[in-house]
Amino acid sequence: MIDGSPIFLVLTGFVFPTSNRRTGRSMIQSWILQKNLTPTSAAKQGLDVGICGSCEMKMSKLACCYVNLLGVNNIYYKHLTGTYSKFGANEIATLKRYRYPIRIGSYGDPTAVPFDVWEPIIFASNKHTGYTHRWRDLENDAHHWKNYLMASVHTESEAEEAQKMGWRTFRIIAPDAPLSNNEILCRNAEDDFITCDSCLLCNGSSLKPNIADRVHGLNWKVSNFVKYLNQQ
């Protein structure tokens, strides 16, 4: 949906729970990948527009994205070897029965995938979190996505802009930065026993507050992000 390049979507966690301690073991993860390139190759060469759009955090730009692409490479190779079965009625039934929460876009921007693909998955689960860096670019489709996704922002001015457009925002902040008046800190940042699958505040449009979270990930990525903020 971004540049017409071939991509695919993989959902994991139905058989083996996620190892991501922040999101929680019950959360289904979703991975949006370029079809003909390993994630590391696509990221390093700047050929990941089809899944990440023009996000400034990409490896080919500011190199701040917290996702560990070596692990995502494994998902790519498993897909190539046919390890994953095709998503269908059985998985929808499992989501309806157990109400596993969905993380919409564990890697890749959710809006790269047609809304019609996500909708039955979201409805079957009825519990989700999700973020988009493409909140400025969605135009006529924005009203669909606002119901399910947070606008991912990095500065107070970006947050104000997105909020005026009707988005709830999720802002990454420097380790010692203060919150805005209309933000609360990610609950996991305050108490790591509170995980995404139990919190679910980051579920798009509602009367809930905007969220901020301290930058995290590899030290060199954190350093790159702080440098970026200092230049704003």
C-alpha atoms as a PDB file:
ATOM      1  CA  MET A   1       0.000   0.000   0.000  1.00  0.00           C
ATOM      2  CA  ILE A   2       3.019   2.324   0.235  1.00  0.00           C
ATOM      3  CA  ASP A   3       5.041   1.909  -2.952  1.00  0.00           C
ATOM      4  CA  GLY A   4       3.553  -1.154  -4.653  1.00  0.00           C
ATOM      5  CA  SER A   5       6.482  -3.414  -3.808  1.00  0.00           C
ATOM      6  CA  PRO A   6       5.697  -7.049  -2.897  1.00  0.00           C
ATOM      7  CA  ILE A   7       5.412  -7.609   0.845  1.00  0.00           C
ATOM      8  CA  PHE A   8       3.996 -10.261   3.157  1.00  0.00           C
ATOM      9  CA  LEU A   9       2.569 -10.452   6.671  1.00  0.00           C
ATOM     10  CA  VAL A  10       3.438 -13.126   9.239  1.00  0.00           C
ATOM     11  CA  LEU A  11       1.660 -13.585  12.574  1.00  0.00           C
ATOM     12  CA  THR A  12       3.562 -15.473  15.263  1.00  0.00           C
ATOM     13  CA  GLY A  13       2.743 -16.619  18.772  1.00  0.00           C
ATOM     14  CA  PHE A  14      -0.024 -19.128  18.092  1.00  0.00           C
ATOM     15  CA  VAL A  15       2.242 -22.088  18.913  1.00  0.00           C
ATOM     16  CA  PHE A  16       5.276 -20.643  20.699  1.00  0.00           C
ATOM     17  CA  PRO A  17       4.670 -17.593  22.924  1.00  0.00           C
ATOM     18  CA  THR A  18       6.669 -14.449  22.250  1.00  0.00           C
ATOM     19  CA  SER A  19       9.879 -13.925  24.210  1.00  0.00           C
ATOM     20  CA  ASN A  20       9.240 -10.158  24.313  1.00  0.00           C
ATOM     21  CA  ARG A  21       8.863  -9.424  28.018  1.00  0.00           C
ATOM     22  CA  ARG A  22       7.460  -5.937  27.454  1.00  0.00           C
ATOM     23  CA  THR A  23       4.526  -7.060  25.334  1.00  0.00           C
ATOM     24  CA  GLY A  24       3.732 -10.205  27.370  1.00  0.00           C
ATOM     25  CA  ARG A  25       3.589 -13.876  26.460  1.00  0.00           C
ATOM     26  CA  SER A  26      -0.014 -13.950  25.246  1.00  0.00           C
ATOM     27  CA  MET A  27       0.361 -11.265  22.578  1.00  0.00           C
ATOM     28  CA  ILE A  28       0.342 -12.327  18.933  1.00  0.00           C
ATOM     29  CA  GLN A  29       3.123 -10.555  17.030  1.00  0.00           C
ATOM     30  CA  SER A  30       2.838  -9.402  13.413  1.00  0.00           C
ATOM     31  CA  TRP A  31       5.733  -8.899  11.012  1.00  0.00           C
ATOM     32  CA  ILE A  32       5.519  -6.978   7.732  1.00  0.00           C
ATOM     33  CA  LEU A  33       8.406  -7.884   5.455  1.00  0.00           C
ATOM     34  CA  GLN A  34       9.669  -7.215   1.941  1.00  0.00           C
ATOM     35  CA  LYS A  35       9.171 -10.324  -0.167  1.00  0.00           C
ATOM     36  CA  ASN A  36      12.472 -10.448  -2.010  1.00  0.00           C
ATOM     37  CA  LEU A  37      14.952  -9.074   0.523  1.00  0.00           C
ATOM     38  CA  THR A  38      16.070 -10.132   3.976  1.00  0.00           C
ATOM     39  CA  PRO A  39      15.113  -7.519   6.577  1.00  0.00           C
ATOM     40  CA  THR A  40      18.740  -6.605   7.288  1.00  0.00           C
ATOM     41  CA  SER A  41      19.549  -6.173   3.586  1.00  0.00           C
ATOM     42  CA  ALA A  42      16.442  -4.097   2.940  1.00  0.00           C
ATOM     43  CA  ALA A  43      17.144  -1.870   5.949  1.00  0.00           C
ATOM     44  CA  LYS A  44      20.828  -1.299   5.207  1.00  0.00           C
ATOM     45  CA  GLN A  45      20.180  -0.478   1.537  1.00  0.00           C
ATOM     46  CA  GLY A  46      17.192   1.748   2.212  1.00  0.00           C
ATOM     47  CA  LEU A  47      14.953  -0.643   0.269  1.00  0.00           C
ATOM     48  CA  ASP A  48      12.410  -0.957   3.068  1.00  0.00           C
ATOM     49  CA  VAL A  49      10.117   1.854   1.922  1.00  0.00           C
ATOM     50  CA  GLY A  50       7.422  -0.701   1.117  1.00  0.00           C
ATOM     51  CA  ILE A  51       7.131  -1.666   4.775  1.00  0.00           C
ATOM     52  CA  CYS A  52       8.433   1.386   6.666  1.00  0.00           C
ATOM     53  CA  GLY A  53       7.603   4.309   4.402  1.00  0.00           C
ATOM     54  CA  SER A  54       9.712   7.406   5.052  1.00  0.00           C
ATOM     55  CA  CYS A  55      10.181   6.791   8.787  1.00  0.00           C
ATOM     56  CA  GLU A  56      13.156   8.805  10.048  1.00  0.00           C
ATOM     57  CA  MET A  57      14.163   6.072  12.489  1.00  0.00           C
ATOM     58  CA  LYS A  58      15.136   3.601   9.750  1.00  0.00           C
ATOM     59  CA  MET A  59      18.627   2.126   9.568  1.00  0.00           C
ATOM     60  CA  SER A  60      19.317   3.990   6.311  1.00  0.00           C
ATOM     61  CA  LYS A  61      18.452   7.311   7.969  1.00  0.00           C
ATOM     62  CA  LEU A  62      18.926   7.956  11.698  1.00  0.00           C
ATOM     63  CA  ALA A  63      19.465   4.287  12.638  1.00  0.00           C
ATOM     64  CA  CYS A  64      17.328   4.544  15.773  1.00  0.00           C
ATOM     65  CA  CYS A  65      14.755   1.798  15.187  1.00  0.00           C
ATOM     66  CA  TYR A  66      14.703  -0.421  18.271  1.00  0.00           C
ATOM     67  CA  VAL A  67      13.762  -3.628  16.385  1.00  0.00           C
ATOM     68  CA  ASN A  68      16.505  -6.283  16.340  1.00  0.00           C
ATOM     69  CA  LEU A  69      16.521  -7.294  12.691  1.00  0.00           C
ATOM     70  CA  LEU A  70      18.603 -10.427  13.194  1.00  0.00           C
ATOM     71  CA  GLY A  71      15.598 -12.017  14.856  1.00  0.00           C
ATOM     72  CA  VAL A  72      13.334 -10.749  12.088  1.00  0.00           C
ATOM     73  CA  ASN A  73      15.666 -12.375   9.546  1.00  0.00           C
ATOM     74  CA  ASN A  74      14.809 -15.721  11.120  1.00  0.00           C
ATOM     75  CA  ILE A  75      11.119 -15.090  10.489  1.00  0.00           C
ATOM     76  CA  TYR A  76      11.898 -14.218   6.877  1.00  0.00           C
ATOM     77  CA  TYR A  77      13.845 -17.460   6.345  1.00  0.00           C
ATOM     78  CA  LYS A  78      11.125 -19.554   7.993  1.00  0.00           C
ATOM     79  CA  HIS A  79       8.625 -18.043   5.595  1.00  0.00           C
ATOM     80  CA  LEU A  80      10.851 -18.921   2.645  1.00  0.00           C
ATOM     81  CA  THR A  81      11.049 -22.557   3.739  1.00  0.00           C
ATOM     82  CA  GLY A  82       7.285 -22.827   4.191  1.00  0.00           C
ATOM     83  CA  THR A  83       7.431 -23.210   7.970  1.00  0.00           C
ATOM     84  CA  TYR A  84       4.394 -21.017   8.496  1.00  0.00           C
ATOM     85  CA  SER A  85       0.975 -22.251   7.440  1.00  0.00           C
ATOM     86  CA  LYS A  86      -1.313 -19.899   5.567  1.00  0.00           C
ATOM     87  CA  PHE A  87      -3.455 -17.766   7.844  1.00  0.00           C
ATOM     88  CA  GLY A  88      -7.104 -18.747   7.625  1.00  0.00           C
ATOM     89  CA  ALA A  89     -10.282 -19.806   9.382  1.00  0.00           C
ATOM     90  CA  ASN A  90      -8.510 -21.906  12.034  1.00  0.00           C
ATOM     91  CA  GLU A  91      -6.454 -18.950  13.209  1.00  0.00           C
ATOM     92  CA  ILE A  92      -9.487 -16.648  13.209  1.00  0.00           C
ATOM     93  CA  ALA A  93     -11.337 -19.221  15.316  1.00  0.00           C
ATOM     94  CA  THR A  94      -8.399 -19.428  17.727  1.00  0.00           C
ATOM     95  CA  LEU A  95      -8.348 -15.645  18.133  1.00  0.00           C
ATOM     96  CA  LYS A  96     -12.097 -15.588  18.779  1.00  0.00           C
ATOM     97  CA  ARG A  97     -11.898 -18.405  21.300  1.00  0.00           C
ATOM     98  CA  TYR A  98      -8.911 -17.252  23.337  1.00  0.00           C
ATOM     99  CA  ARG A  99      -9.028 -13.525  22.561  1.00  0.00           C
ATOM    100  CA  TYR A 100      -5.274 -13.323  22.140  1.00  0.00           C
ATOM    101  CA  PRO A 101      -4.300  -9.644  21.851  1.00  0.00           C
ATOM    102  CA  ILE A 102      -2.617  -8.597  18.604  1.00  0.00           C
ATOM    103  CA  ARG A 103       0.397  -6.335  18.280  1.00  0.00           C
ATOM    104  CA  ILE A 104      -0.347  -4.658  14.946  1.00  0.00           C
ATOM    105  CA  GLY A 105       3.063  -4.128  13.369  1.00  0.00           C
ATOM    106  CA  SER A 106       5.768  -5.657  15.564  1.00  0.00           C
ATOM    107  CA  TYR A 107       7.980  -4.701  12.625  1.00  0.00           C
ATOM    108  CA  GLY A 108       6.870  -2.594   9.683  1.00  0.00           C
ATOM    109  CA  ASP A 109       4.178   0.062   9.531  1.00  0.00           C
ATOM    110  CA  PRO A 110       0.689  -1.484   9.764  1.00  0.00           C
ATOM    111  CA  THR A 111      -0.605   0.813   7.013  1.00  0.00           C
ATOM    112  CA  ALA A 112       1.630  -0.968   4.494  1.00  0.00           C
ATOM    113  CA  VAL A 113      -0.937  -3.783   4.629  1.00  0.00           C
ATOM    114  CA  PRO A 114      -4.491  -3.203   3.339  1.00  0.00           C
ATOM    115  CA  PHE A 115      -6.982  -2.333   6.052  1.00  0.00           C
ATOM    116  CA  ASP A 116      -9.241  -5.123   4.802  1.00  0.00           C
ATOM    117  CA  VAL A 117      -6.553  -7.654   5.768  1.00  0.00           C
ATOM    118  CA  TRP A 118      -6.239  -6.352   9.320  1.00  0.00           C
ATOM    119  CA  GLU A 119      -9.925  -5.835  10.046  1.00  0.00           C
ATOM    120  CA  PRO A 120     -11.047  -9.482  10.494  1.00  0.00           C
ATOM    121  CA  ILE A 121      -7.947 -10.188  12.584  1.00  0.00           C
ATOM    122  CA  ILE A 122      -8.616  -7.222  14.860  1.00  0.00           C
ATOM    123  CA  PHE A 123     -12.309  -8.062  15.189  1.00  0.00           C
ATOM    124  CA  ALA A 124     -11.553 -11.709  16.014  1.00  0.00           C
ATOM    125  CA  SER A 125      -9.140 -10.707  18.767  1.00  0.00           C
ATOM    126  CA  ASN A 126     -10.953  -7.587  19.973  1.00  0.00           C
ATOM    127  CA  LYS A 127      -7.738  -6.597  21.802  1.00  0.00           C
ATOM    128  CA  HIS A 128      -4.758  -4.923  20.192  1.00  0.00           C
ATOM    129  CA  THR A 129      -2.014  -2.316  20.208  1.00  0.00           C
ATOM    130  CA  GLY A 130      -0.584  -0.526  17.176  1.00  0.00           C
ATOM    131  CA  TYR A 131       1.381   2.482  15.922  1.00  0.00           C
ATOM    132  CA  THR A 132       2.006   4.269  12.640  1.00  0.00           C
ATOM    133  CA  HIS A 133       4.671   6.734  11.563  1.00  0.00           C
ATOM    134  CA  ARG A 134       2.577   7.459   8.450  1.00  0.00           C
ATOM    135  CA  TRP A 135      -0.161   9.451  10.198  1.00  0.00           C
ATOM    136  CA  ARG A 136       0.516  12.458   7.942  1.00  0.00           C
ATOM    137  CA  ASP A 137       0.256  10.426   4.729  1.00  0.00           C
ATOM    138  CA  LEU A 138      -2.977   8.483   5.083  1.00  0.00           C
ATOM    139  CA  GLU A 139      -5.375  11.189   3.879  1.00  0.00           C
ATOM    140  CA  ASN A 140      -8.803   9.662   3.150  1.00  0.00           C
ATOM    141  CA  ASP A 141      -7.987   6.399   4.939  1.00  0.00           C
ATOM    142  CA  ALA A 142      -6.954   8.023   8.204  1.00  0.00           C
ATOM    143  CA  HIS A 143     -10.385   7.677   9.816  1.00  0.00           C
ATOM    144  CA  HIS A 144     -10.105   3.870   9.626  1.00  0.00           C
ATOM    145  CA  TRP A 145      -6.665   3.720  11.179  1.00  0.00           C
ATOM    146  CA  LYS A 146      -7.330   6.227  13.971  1.00  0.00           C
ATOM    147  CA  ASN A 147      -9.659   3.687  15.558  1.00  0.00           C
ATOM    148  CA  TYR A 148      -6.834   1.168  15.942  1.00  0.00           C
ATOM    149  CA  LEU A 149      -3.441   2.878  15.803  1.00  0.00           C
ATOM    150  CA  MET A 150      -1.531   5.501  17.745  1.00  0.00           C
ATOM    151  CA  ALA A 151       0.371   8.190  15.852  1.00  0.00           C
ATOM    152  CA  SER A 152       4.050   7.492  16.517  1.00  0.00           C
ATOM    153  CA  VAL A 153       5.810  10.819  17.169  1.00  0.00           C
ATOM    154  CA  HIS A 154       9.156  11.944  18.529  1.00  0.00           C
ATOM    155  CA  THR A 155       8.815  15.591  19.481  1.00  0.00           C
ATOM    156  CA  GLU A 156       6.261  17.721  21.301  1.00  0.00           C
ATOM    157  CA  SER A 157       5.533  19.684  18.124  1.00  0.00           C
ATOM    158  CA  GLU A 158       4.836  16.462  16.201  1.00  0.00           C
ATOM    159  CA  ALA A 159       2.567  15.293  19.006  1.00  0.00           C
ATOM    160  CA  GLU A 160       0.602  18.557  18.921  1.00  0.00           C
ATOM    161  CA  GLU A 161       0.258  18.345  15.134  1.00  0.00           C
ATOM    162  CA  ALA A 162      -1.000  14.748  15.226  1.00  0.00           C
ATOM    163  CA  GLN A 163      -3.415  15.455  18.069  1.00  0.00           C
ATOM    164  CA  LYS A 164      -4.923  18.373  16.154  1.00  0.00           C
ATOM    165  CA  MET A 165      -5.544  15.905  13.314  1.00  0.00           C
ATOM    166  CA  GLY A 166      -7.491  13.658  15.680  1.00  0.00           C
ATOM    167  CA  TRP A 167      -4.819  11.105  16.581  1.00  0.00           C
ATOM    168  CA  ARG A 168      -3.859   9.829  19.995  1.00  0.00           C
ATOM    169  CA  THR A 169      -0.072   9.914  20.171  1.00  0.00           C
ATOM    170  CA  PHE A 170       2.723   7.674  21.354  1.00  0.00           C
ATOM    171  CA  ARG A 171       5.905   9.700  21.827  1.00  0.00           C
ATOM    172  CA  ILE A 172       9.386   8.329  22.396  1.00  0.00           C
ATOM    173  CA  ILE A 173      11.314  10.611  24.749  1.00  0.00           C
ATOM    174  CA  ALA A 174      14.890  10.920  26.008  1.00  0.00           C
ATOM    175  CA  PRO A 175      15.619   9.065  29.278  1.00  0.00           C
ATOM    176  CA  ASP A 176      15.360  12.208  31.437  1.00  0.00           C
ATOM    177  CA  ALA A 177      12.774  14.194  29.435  1.00  0.00           C
ATOM    178  CA  PRO A 178       9.577  15.468  31.117  1.00  0.00           C
ATOM    179  CA  LEU A 179       6.096  14.488  30.003  1.00  0.00           C
ATOM    180  CA  SER A 180       3.669  16.881  28.350  1.00  0.00           C
ATOM    181  CA  ASN A 181       0.576  17.861  30.309  1.00  0.00           C
ATOM    182  CA  ASN A 182      -1.652  15.498  28.329  1.00  0.00           C
ATOM    183  CA  GLU A 183       0.667  12.458  28.433  1.00  0.00           C
ATOM    184  CA  ILE A 184       1.242   9.589  30.816  1.00  0.00           C
ATOM    185  CA  LEU A 185       4.303   7.386  30.936  1.00  0.00           C
ATOM    186  CA  CYS A 186       4.077   3.900  29.481  1.00  0.00           C
ATOM    187  CA  ARG A 187       3.001   1.663  32.346  1.00  0.00           C
ATOM    188  CA  ASN A 188       5.756  -0.834  31.610  1.00  0.00           C
ATOM    189  CA  ALA A 189       8.343   1.935  32.021  1.00  0.00           C
ATOM    190  CA  GLU A 190       6.981   2.507  35.522  1.00  0.00           C
ATOM    191  CA  ASP A 191       6.491  -1.158  36.430  1.00  0.00           C
ATOM    192  CA  ASP A 192       7.913  -3.903  34.236  1.00  0.00           C
ATOM    193  CA  PHE A 193       5.356  -6.372  35.595  1.00  0.00           C
ATOM    194  CA  ILE A 194       2.722  -4.458  33.588  1.00  0.00           C
ATOM    195  CA  THR A 195       2.915  -5.725  30.019  1.00  0.00           C
ATOM    196  CA  CYS A 196       1.208  -4.644  26.801  1.00  0.00           C
ATOM    197  CA  ASP A 197      -1.115  -7.653  26.738  1.00  0.00           C
ATOM    198  CA  SER A 198      -2.598  -6.603  30.089  1.00  0.00           C
ATOM    199  CA  CYS A 199      -2.475  -2.818  29.598  1.00  0.00           C
ATOM    200  CA  LEU A 200      -3.703  -2.272  26.006  1.00  0.00           C
ATOM    201  CA  LEU A 201      -3.770   1.533  26.356  1.00  0.00           C
ATOM    202  CA  CYS A 202      -2.081   1.902  22.958  1.00  0.00           C
ATOM    203  CA  ASN A 203      -5.159   0.855  21.008  1.00  0.00           C
ATOM    204  CA  GLY A 204      -5.925   3.925  18.933  1.00  0.00           C
ATOM    205  CA  SER A 205      -8.766   6.385  19.177  1.00  0.00           C
ATOM    206  CA  SER A 206     -10.492   6.676  22.524  1.00  0.00           C
ATOM    207  CA  LEU A 207     -10.766   8.943  25.528  1.00  0.00           C
ATOM    208  CA  LYS A 208      -7.598   7.442  26.960  1.00  0.00           C
ATOM    209  CA  PRO A 209      -4.519   9.665  27.449  1.00  0.00           C
ATOM    210  CA  ASN A 210      -1.603  10.050  25.093  1.00  0.00           C
ATOM    211  CA  ILE A 211       1.394   7.873  25.928  1.00  0.00           C
ATOM    212  CA  ALA A 212       5.111   8.585  26.195  1.00  0.00           C
ATOM    213  CA  ASP A 213       7.875   6.027  26.612  1.00  0.00           C
ATOM    214  CA  ARG A 214      11.570   6.398  27.291  1.00  0.00           C
ATOM    215  CA  VAL A 215      13.788   5.456  24.380  1.00  0.00           C
ATOM    216  CA  HIS A 216      15.069   1.896  24.660  1.00  0.00           C
ATOM    217  CA  GLY A 217      17.077  -0.612  22.671  1.00  0.00           C
ATOM    218  CA  LEU A 218      20.762  -1.036  21.902  1.00  0.00           C
ATOM    219  CA  ASN A 219      22.966   1.682  23.415  1.00  0.00           C
ATOM    220  CA  TRP A 220      24.168   3.009  20.061  1.00  0.00           C
ATOM    221  CA  LYS A 221      20.584   3.313  18.820  1.00  0.00           C
ATOM    222  CA  VAL A 222      19.586   5.182  21.971  1.00  0.00           C
ATOM    223  CA  SER A 223      22.565   7.499  21.470  1.00  0.00           C
ATOM    224  CA  ASN A 224      21.538   8.181  17.856  1.00  0.00           C
ATOM    225  CA  PHE A 225      18.014   9.027  18.953  1.00  0.00           C
ATOM    226  CA  VAL A 226      19.138  11.418  21.694  1.00  0.00           C
ATOM    227  CA  LYS A 227      21.414  13.190  19.180  1.00  0.00           C
ATOM    228  CA  TYR A 228      18.433  13.546  16.860  1.00  0.00           C
ATOM    229  CA  LEU A 229      16.294  15.082  19.608  1.00  0.00           C
ATOM    230  CA  ASN A 230      19.059  17.522  20.536  1.00  0.00           C
ATOM    231  CA  GLN A 231      19.098  18.799  16.944  1.00  0.00           C
ATOM    232  CA  GLN A 232      15.383  19.580  16.875  1.00  0.00           C
END
